[in-house]
Amino acid sequence: MTKYVKPTLETKFHIDFAWWQKKGQNLRAYLQSHICPSCQECVEESEGKSFDWVDFETGEVFQVDMLWHIIAEHCYEDPAFFDNRIPLTNAIFRAFILNNNTPLTPVEIHKKIRKKTPDIILRTIGTRQIYNGIKPVEASI
């Protein structure tokens, strides 16, 4: 078990694809909930298609659903993409999609989603509870 280190405003976070696999969660189903209405027809077309995503921190390669690409390239244009009505954890997840899952601090996340404060973002994703695979980036040894 990894020792818990309390994150700070300078801690970088990312979506941990291994968490989705380990928990047996369906990333594709979750990604579908982020598809804008104009891209809904792409859901069936993208079925079974994926691409390799490389975690540059660990070198680990993950197969990521093509819906990720559709959201990043098309859905972000929807004015409701970062609407204030969507839950904070969903907005944070979307920020990582648009940022190609490059690690971000709570301050950087706040600048992208313009929702809540960096402190509230940290209190949401910086606990032992993991939401949508969003975790601190583990330090390389």
N, C-alpha and C. Protein backbone atom coordinates (compact mmCIF):
# COMPACT_ATOMS: atom_id res chain seq x y z
N MET A 1 0.84 -1.18 0.00
CA MET A 1 0.00 0.00 0.00
C MET A 1 0.89 1.24 0.00
N THR A 2 0.53 2.21 -0.81
CA THR A 2 1.27 3.45 -0.91
C THR A 2 0.96 4.34 0.29
N LYS A 3 2.00 4.97 0.82
CA LYS A 3 1.82 5.89 1.93
C LYS A 3 1.06 7.12 1.44
N TYR A 4 0.06 7.54 2.21
CA TYR A 4 -0.73 8.71 1.84
C TYR A 4 0.04 9.98 2.20
N VAL A 5 0.17 10.87 1.23
CA VAL A 5 0.79 12.17 1.44
C VAL A 5 -0.28 13.20 1.10
N LYS A 6 -0.58 14.07 2.06
CA LYS A 6 -1.64 15.05 1.85
C LYS A 6 -1.25 16.03 0.74
N PRO A 7 -2.07 16.11 -0.32
CA PRO A 7 -1.78 17.02 -1.43
C PRO A 7 -1.89 18.49 -1.02
N THR A 8 -1.22 19.35 -1.77
CA THR A 8 -1.26 20.80 -1.57
C THR A 8 -1.71 21.46 -2.87
N LEU A 9 -1.77 22.77 -2.87
CA LEU A 9 -2.14 23.50 -4.09
C LEU A 9 -1.10 23.33 -5.19
N GLU A 10 0.10 22.89 -4.83
CA GLU A 10 1.16 22.67 -5.82
C GLU A 10 1.21 21.22 -6.33
N THR A 11 0.42 20.35 -5.73
CA THR A 11 0.40 18.94 -6.13
C THR A 11 -0.25 18.81 -7.51
N LYS A 12 0.38 18.03 -8.36
CA LYS A 12 -0.16 17.78 -9.70
C LYS A 12 -1.07 16.54 -9.65
N PHE A 13 -2.19 16.64 -10.34
CA PHE A 13 -3.16 15.55 -10.43
C PHE A 13 -3.30 15.14 -11.90
N HIS A 14 -3.87 13.95 -12.10
CA HIS A 14 -4.16 13.45 -13.44
C HIS A 14 -5.23 12.38 -13.33
N ILE A 15 -5.73 11.92 -14.47
CA ILE A 15 -6.66 10.79 -14.48
C ILE A 15 -5.80 9.54 -14.55
N ASP A 16 -5.96 8.67 -13.58
CA ASP A 16 -5.20 7.43 -13.50
C ASP A 16 -6.00 6.33 -14.19
N PHE A 17 -5.61 5.97 -15.42
CA PHE A 17 -6.35 4.94 -16.16
C PHE A 17 -6.26 3.59 -15.48
N ALA A 18 -5.18 3.33 -14.77
CA ALA A 18 -5.04 2.07 -14.04
C ALA A 18 -6.13 1.96 -12.97
N TRP A 19 -6.53 3.08 -12.39
CA TRP A 19 -7.60 3.08 -11.38
C TRP A 19 -8.88 2.55 -12.01
N TRP A 20 -9.20 3.00 -13.23
CA TRP A 20 -10.42 2.54 -13.91
C TRP A 20 -10.37 1.04 -14.14
N GLN A 21 -9.21 0.54 -14.57
CA GLN A 21 -9.06 -0.90 -14.79
C GLN A 21 -9.14 -1.67 -13.48
N LYS A 22 -8.43 -1.20 -12.48
CA LYS A 22 -8.39 -1.88 -11.19
C LYS A 22 -9.77 -1.96 -10.54
N LYS A 23 -10.54 -0.89 -10.67
CA LYS A 23 -11.88 -0.84 -10.06
C LYS A 23 -12.93 -1.53 -10.93
N GLY A 24 -12.55 -1.93 -12.14
CA GLY A 24 -13.51 -2.58 -13.03
C GLY A 24 -14.58 -1.60 -13.52
N GLN A 25 -14.25 -0.32 -13.51
CA GLN A 25 -15.19 0.71 -13.95
C GLN A 25 -15.16 0.82 -15.47
N ASN A 26 -16.27 1.22 -16.05
CA ASN A 26 -16.39 1.33 -17.50
C ASN A 26 -16.11 2.78 -17.92
N LEU A 27 -14.90 3.04 -18.35
CA LEU A 27 -14.51 4.39 -18.76
C LEU A 27 -15.34 4.85 -19.96
N ARG A 28 -15.63 3.95 -20.89
CA ARG A 28 -16.42 4.33 -22.07
C ARG A 28 -17.79 4.85 -21.67
N ALA A 29 -18.45 4.16 -20.76
CA ALA A 29 -19.77 4.61 -20.31
C ALA A 29 -19.68 5.99 -19.66
N TYR A 30 -18.63 6.20 -18.89
CA TYR A 30 -18.46 7.51 -18.25
C TYR A 30 -18.16 8.59 -19.29
N LEU A 31 -17.33 8.28 -20.27
CA LEU A 31 -17.04 9.24 -21.33
C LEU A 31 -18.30 9.62 -22.11
N GLN A 32 -19.21 8.65 -22.30
CA GLN A 32 -20.45 8.93 -23.02
C GLN A 32 -21.25 10.03 -22.34
N SER A 33 -21.15 10.11 -21.02
CA SER A 33 -21.90 11.14 -20.30
C SER A 33 -21.34 12.54 -20.54
N HIS A 34 -20.18 12.63 -21.17
CA HIS A 34 -19.55 13.92 -21.46
C HIS A 34 -19.69 14.32 -22.93
N ILE A 35 -20.32 13.48 -23.74
CA ILE A 35 -20.49 13.77 -25.16
C ILE A 35 -21.59 14.82 -25.33
N CYS A 36 -21.31 15.84 -26.13
CA CYS A 36 -22.30 16.89 -26.38
C CYS A 36 -23.40 16.35 -27.30
N PRO A 37 -24.57 16.98 -27.30
CA PRO A 37 -25.68 16.50 -28.13
C PRO A 37 -25.32 16.38 -29.62
N SER A 38 -24.52 17.29 -30.14
CA SER A 38 -24.20 17.23 -31.58
C SER A 38 -23.26 16.08 -31.94
N CYS A 39 -22.61 15.49 -30.96
CA CYS A 39 -21.68 14.38 -31.24
C CYS A 39 -22.25 13.02 -30.84
N GLN A 40 -23.51 12.97 -30.42
CA GLN A 40 -24.10 11.71 -29.98
C GLN A 40 -24.04 10.63 -31.05
N GLU A 41 -24.18 11.01 -32.33
CA GLU A 41 -24.14 9.99 -33.39
C GLU A 41 -22.76 9.36 -33.52
N CYS A 42 -21.74 10.02 -33.00
CA CYS A 42 -20.38 9.48 -33.07
C CYS A 42 -20.16 8.33 -32.09
N VAL A 43 -21.04 8.20 -31.12
CA VAL A 43 -20.87 7.18 -30.09
C VAL A 43 -20.84 5.79 -30.72
N GLU A 44 -21.82 5.49 -31.57
CA GLU A 44 -21.86 4.17 -32.21
C GLU A 44 -20.70 3.98 -33.18
N GLU A 45 -20.36 5.03 -33.92
CA GLU A 45 -19.27 4.94 -34.89
C GLU A 45 -17.93 4.67 -34.21
N SER A 46 -17.78 5.13 -32.98
CA SER A 46 -16.50 4.97 -32.28
C SER A 46 -16.42 3.66 -31.50
N GLU A 47 -17.49 2.90 -31.48
CA GLU A 47 -17.53 1.64 -30.73
C GLU A 47 -16.37 0.74 -31.12
N GLY A 48 -15.62 0.30 -30.14
CA GLY A 48 -14.51 -0.62 -30.37
C GLY A 48 -13.24 0.04 -30.86
N LYS A 49 -13.25 1.35 -31.05
CA LYS A 49 -12.05 2.05 -31.51
C LYS A 49 -11.35 2.68 -30.31
N SER A 50 -10.03 2.58 -30.32
CA SER A 50 -9.26 3.17 -29.23
C SER A 50 -7.91 3.63 -29.77
N PHE A 51 -7.17 4.30 -28.91
CA PHE A 51 -5.82 4.72 -29.29
C PHE A 51 -4.92 4.53 -28.09
N ASP A 52 -3.63 4.46 -28.35
CA ASP A 52 -2.65 4.30 -27.27
C ASP A 52 -2.39 5.65 -26.62
N TRP A 53 -2.48 5.68 -25.31
CA TRP A 53 -2.12 6.87 -24.55
C TRP A 53 -0.95 6.48 -23.66
N VAL A 54 0.12 7.27 -23.71
CA VAL A 54 1.32 6.97 -22.93
C VAL A 54 1.39 7.90 -21.74
N ASP A 55 1.55 7.32 -20.56
CA ASP A 55 1.78 8.10 -19.34
C ASP A 55 3.26 8.44 -19.35
N PHE A 56 3.57 9.71 -19.59
CA PHE A 56 4.97 10.11 -19.72
C PHE A 56 5.72 10.05 -18.40
N GLU A 57 5.02 9.99 -17.29
CA GLU A 57 5.68 9.86 -15.99
C GLU A 57 6.19 8.44 -15.78
N THR A 58 5.37 7.45 -16.17
CA THR A 58 5.72 6.06 -15.89
C THR A 58 6.11 5.28 -17.14
N GLY A 59 5.77 5.79 -18.32
CA GLY A 59 6.03 5.06 -19.55
C GLY A 59 4.97 4.01 -19.84
N GLU A 60 3.99 3.88 -18.96
CA GLU A 60 2.93 2.90 -19.13
C GLU A 60 2.02 3.32 -20.29
N VAL A 61 1.58 2.34 -21.09
CA VAL A 61 0.71 2.60 -22.23
C VAL A 61 -0.68 2.06 -21.92
N PHE A 62 -1.69 2.89 -22.18
CA PHE A 62 -3.07 2.50 -21.94
C PHE A 62 -3.86 2.64 -23.23
N GLN A 63 -4.81 1.73 -23.45
CA GLN A 63 -5.75 1.85 -24.55
C GLN A 63 -6.87 2.77 -24.08
N VAL A 64 -7.07 3.88 -24.77
CA VAL A 64 -8.09 4.84 -24.39
C VAL A 64 -9.15 4.90 -25.49
N ASP A 65 -10.40 4.92 -25.07
CA ASP A 65 -11.52 4.93 -25.99
C ASP A 65 -11.48 6.16 -26.90
N MET A 66 -11.91 5.97 -28.15
CA MET A 66 -11.93 7.06 -29.12
C MET A 66 -12.87 8.20 -28.69
N LEU A 67 -13.80 7.92 -27.80
CA LEU A 67 -14.68 8.99 -27.31
C LEU A 67 -13.87 10.11 -26.67
N TRP A 68 -12.76 9.75 -26.04
CA TRP A 68 -11.87 10.75 -25.43
C TRP A 68 -11.49 11.79 -26.49
N HIS A 69 -11.07 11.29 -27.65
CA HIS A 69 -10.65 12.17 -28.75
C HIS A 69 -11.82 13.03 -29.24
N ILE A 70 -12.99 12.44 -29.37
CA ILE A 70 -14.16 13.18 -29.84
C ILE A 70 -14.49 14.33 -28.89
N ILE A 71 -14.45 14.04 -27.60
CA ILE A 71 -14.73 15.08 -26.60
C ILE A 71 -13.70 16.20 -26.70
N ALA A 72 -12.43 15.81 -26.76
CA ALA A 72 -11.35 16.80 -26.77
C ALA A 72 -11.36 17.66 -28.03
N GLU A 73 -11.76 17.08 -29.15
CA GLU A 73 -11.69 17.81 -30.42
C GLU A 73 -12.98 18.51 -30.81
N HIS A 74 -14.13 18.06 -30.28
CA HIS A 74 -15.40 18.61 -30.74
C HIS A 74 -16.29 19.13 -29.62
N CYS A 75 -16.48 18.34 -28.59
CA CYS A 75 -17.46 18.69 -27.56
C CYS A 75 -17.08 19.92 -26.74
N TYR A 76 -15.79 20.19 -26.65
CA TYR A 76 -15.37 21.34 -25.85
C TYR A 76 -15.94 22.66 -26.41
N GLU A 77 -16.35 22.66 -27.69
CA GLU A 77 -16.90 23.86 -28.30
C GLU A 77 -18.33 24.14 -27.84
N ASP A 78 -18.98 23.15 -27.26
CA ASP A 78 -20.34 23.31 -26.76
C ASP A 78 -20.31 24.31 -25.60
N PRO A 79 -21.13 25.38 -25.65
CA PRO A 79 -21.12 26.38 -24.58
C PRO A 79 -21.42 25.79 -23.19
N ALA A 80 -22.10 24.66 -23.15
CA ALA A 80 -22.44 24.04 -21.87
C ALA A 80 -21.35 23.11 -21.35
N PHE A 81 -20.23 23.01 -22.06
CA PHE A 81 -19.19 22.05 -21.68
C PHE A 81 -18.69 22.28 -20.26
N PHE A 82 -18.48 23.53 -19.87
CA PHE A 82 -18.06 23.86 -18.50
C PHE A 82 -19.15 24.65 -17.78
N ASP A 83 -20.39 24.34 -18.09
CA ASP A 83 -21.54 25.00 -17.48
C ASP A 83 -21.48 24.87 -15.96
N ASN A 84 -21.95 25.88 -15.26
CA ASN A 84 -21.94 25.87 -13.80
C ASN A 84 -22.84 24.79 -13.20
N ARG A 85 -23.73 24.22 -14.00
CA ARG A 85 -24.63 23.20 -13.48
C ARG A 85 -24.00 21.81 -13.40
N ILE A 86 -22.88 21.60 -14.09
CA ILE A 86 -22.27 20.27 -14.02
C ILE A 86 -21.49 20.15 -12.72
N PRO A 87 -21.45 18.96 -12.14
CA PRO A 87 -20.71 18.76 -10.90
C PRO A 87 -19.22 19.11 -11.06
N LEU A 88 -18.63 19.56 -9.97
CA LEU A 88 -17.23 19.96 -9.98
C LEU A 88 -16.33 18.82 -10.46
N THR A 89 -16.57 17.60 -9.99
CA THR A 89 -15.71 16.48 -10.39
C THR A 89 -15.80 16.22 -11.90
N ASN A 90 -16.97 16.43 -12.49
CA ASN A 90 -17.11 16.27 -13.95
C ASN A 90 -16.34 17.36 -14.68
N ALA A 91 -16.42 18.59 -14.18
CA ALA A 91 -15.69 19.70 -14.82
C ALA A 91 -14.18 19.44 -14.76
N ILE A 92 -13.71 18.94 -13.62
CA ILE A 92 -12.28 18.64 -13.48
C ILE A 92 -11.88 17.55 -14.46
N PHE A 93 -12.69 16.50 -14.56
CA PHE A 93 -12.42 15.41 -15.50
C PHE A 93 -12.32 15.96 -16.93
N ARG A 94 -13.25 16.83 -17.28
CA ARG A 94 -13.25 17.42 -18.62
C ARG A 94 -12.00 18.25 -18.86
N ALA A 95 -11.54 18.94 -17.84
CA ALA A 95 -10.31 19.73 -17.98
C ALA A 95 -9.13 18.83 -18.34
N PHE A 96 -9.08 17.65 -17.72
CA PHE A 96 -8.00 16.72 -18.04
C PHE A 96 -8.14 16.16 -19.46
N ILE A 97 -9.36 15.95 -19.91
CA ILE A 97 -9.55 15.49 -21.30
C ILE A 97 -9.00 16.55 -22.25
N LEU A 98 -9.36 17.79 -22.03
CA LEU A 98 -8.92 18.87 -22.93
C LEU A 98 -7.42 19.11 -22.84
N ASN A 99 -6.84 18.75 -21.72
CA ASN A 99 -5.40 18.96 -21.50
C ASN A 99 -4.60 17.69 -21.80
N ASN A 100 -5.24 16.72 -22.47
CA ASN A 100 -4.60 15.45 -22.82
C ASN A 100 -4.04 14.74 -21.60
N ASN A 101 -4.73 14.91 -20.49
CA ASN A 101 -4.37 14.28 -19.21
C ASN A 101 -2.98 14.67 -18.72
N THR A 102 -2.50 15.81 -19.16
CA THR A 102 -1.25 16.34 -18.63
C THR A 102 -1.51 16.74 -17.18
N PRO A 103 -0.65 16.35 -16.25
CA PRO A 103 -0.88 16.69 -14.84
C PRO A 103 -1.05 18.19 -14.61
N LEU A 104 -2.02 18.51 -13.74
CA LEU A 104 -2.35 19.89 -13.40
C LEU A 104 -2.48 20.05 -11.89
N THR A 105 -2.13 21.22 -11.40
CA THR A 105 -2.36 21.56 -9.99
C THR A 105 -3.80 22.06 -9.84
N PRO A 106 -4.32 22.13 -8.62
CA PRO A 106 -5.65 22.71 -8.42
C PRO A 106 -5.75 24.14 -8.95
N VAL A 107 -4.68 24.91 -8.86
CA VAL A 107 -4.69 26.28 -9.38
C VAL A 107 -4.83 26.26 -10.91
N GLU A 108 -4.11 25.37 -11.57
CA GLU A 108 -4.19 25.25 -13.03
C GLU A 108 -5.57 24.74 -13.46
N ILE A 109 -6.12 23.81 -12.70
CA ILE A 109 -7.47 23.29 -13.00
C ILE A 109 -8.47 24.44 -12.91
N HIS A 110 -8.37 25.23 -11.85
CA HIS A 110 -9.28 26.36 -11.65
C HIS A 110 -9.23 27.32 -12.86
N LYS A 111 -8.05 27.58 -13.37
CA LYS A 111 -7.92 28.49 -14.52
C LYS A 111 -8.62 27.92 -15.76
N LYS A 112 -8.67 26.61 -15.87
CA LYS A 112 -9.29 25.98 -17.04
C LYS A 112 -10.81 25.92 -16.92
N ILE A 113 -11.30 25.61 -15.72
CA ILE A 113 -12.75 25.41 -15.58
C ILE A 113 -13.47 26.66 -15.07
N ARG A 114 -12.75 27.59 -14.48
CA ARG A 114 -13.33 28.83 -13.95
C ARG A 114 -14.54 28.53 -13.06
N LYS A 115 -14.33 27.58 -12.17
CA LYS A 115 -15.41 27.13 -11.30
C LYS A 115 -14.82 26.87 -9.92
N LYS A 116 -15.48 27.34 -8.90
CA LYS A 116 -15.03 27.21 -7.51
C LYS A 116 -13.65 27.86 -7.34
N THR A 117 -13.00 27.56 -6.24
CA THR A 117 -11.67 28.11 -5.98
C THR A 117 -10.65 26.98 -6.00
N PRO A 118 -9.37 27.29 -6.14
CA PRO A 118 -8.36 26.23 -6.07
C PRO A 118 -8.44 25.45 -4.75
N ASP A 119 -8.75 26.13 -3.64
CA ASP A 119 -8.87 25.44 -2.35
C ASP A 119 -10.01 24.43 -2.36
N ILE A 120 -11.14 24.80 -2.93
CA ILE A 120 -12.28 23.88 -2.99
C ILE A 120 -11.95 22.71 -3.92
N ILE A 121 -11.29 23.00 -5.02
CA ILE A 121 -10.87 21.92 -5.93
C ILE A 121 -9.95 20.95 -5.19
N LEU A 122 -8.99 21.49 -4.45
CA LEU A 122 -8.07 20.63 -3.68
C LEU A 122 -8.83 19.81 -2.65
N ARG A 123 -9.77 20.43 -1.93
CA ARG A 123 -10.54 19.69 -0.92
C ARG A 123 -11.41 18.61 -1.55
N THR A 124 -11.75 18.78 -2.82
CA THR A 124 -12.57 17.79 -3.51
C THR A 124 -11.74 16.61 -4.00
N ILE A 125 -10.62 16.88 -4.68
CA ILE A 125 -9.84 15.79 -5.28
C ILE A 125 -8.60 15.42 -4.48
N GLY A 126 -8.32 16.15 -3.41
CA GLY A 126 -7.10 15.91 -2.65
C GLY A 126 -7.30 15.08 -1.41
N THR A 127 -8.37 14.31 -1.36
CA THR A 127 -8.62 13.44 -0.21
C THR A 127 -8.31 11.99 -0.58
N ARG A 128 -8.51 11.12 0.37
CA ARG A 128 -8.30 9.69 0.09
C ARG A 128 -9.37 9.13 -0.86
N GLN A 129 -10.53 9.79 -0.89
CA GLN A 129 -11.62 9.39 -1.80
C GLN A 129 -11.21 9.77 -3.22
N ILE A 130 -11.27 8.83 -4.15
CA ILE A 130 -10.88 9.09 -5.53
C ILE A 130 -12.14 9.21 -6.38
N TYR A 131 -12.26 10.33 -7.08
CA TYR A 131 -13.39 10.58 -7.97
C TYR A 131 -12.94 10.44 -9.42
N ASN A 132 -13.60 9.55 -10.14
CA ASN A 132 -13.37 9.40 -11.59
C ASN A 132 -11.91 9.15 -11.94
N GLY A 133 -11.17 8.51 -11.04
CA GLY A 133 -9.77 8.19 -11.31
C GLY A 133 -8.82 9.36 -11.18
N ILE A 134 -9.31 10.50 -10.70
CA ILE A 134 -8.47 11.70 -10.56
C ILE A 134 -7.65 11.56 -9.28
N LYS A 135 -6.34 11.45 -9.48
CA LYS A 135 -5.43 11.20 -8.36
C LYS A 135 -4.19 12.07 -8.47
N PRO A 136 -3.50 12.26 -7.34
CA PRO A 136 -2.19 12.94 -7.43
C PRO A 136 -1.23 12.09 -8.26
N VAL A 137 -0.37 12.76 -8.99
CA VAL A 137 0.68 12.06 -9.73
C VAL A 137 1.68 11.57 -8.70
N GLU A 138 2.00 10.29 -8.75
CA GLU A 138 2.97 9.74 -7.80
C GLU A 138 4.37 10.18 -8.20
N ALA A 139 5.12 10.60 -7.22
CA ALA A 139 6.48 11.07 -7.47
C ALA A 139 7.36 9.92 -7.96
N SER A 140 8.18 10.20 -8.96
CA SER A 140 9.14 9.20 -9.45
C SER A 140 10.29 9.10 -8.47
N ILE A 141 10.76 7.89 -8.27
CA ILE A 141 11.88 7.69 -7.33
C ILE A 141 13.15 7.49 -8.12
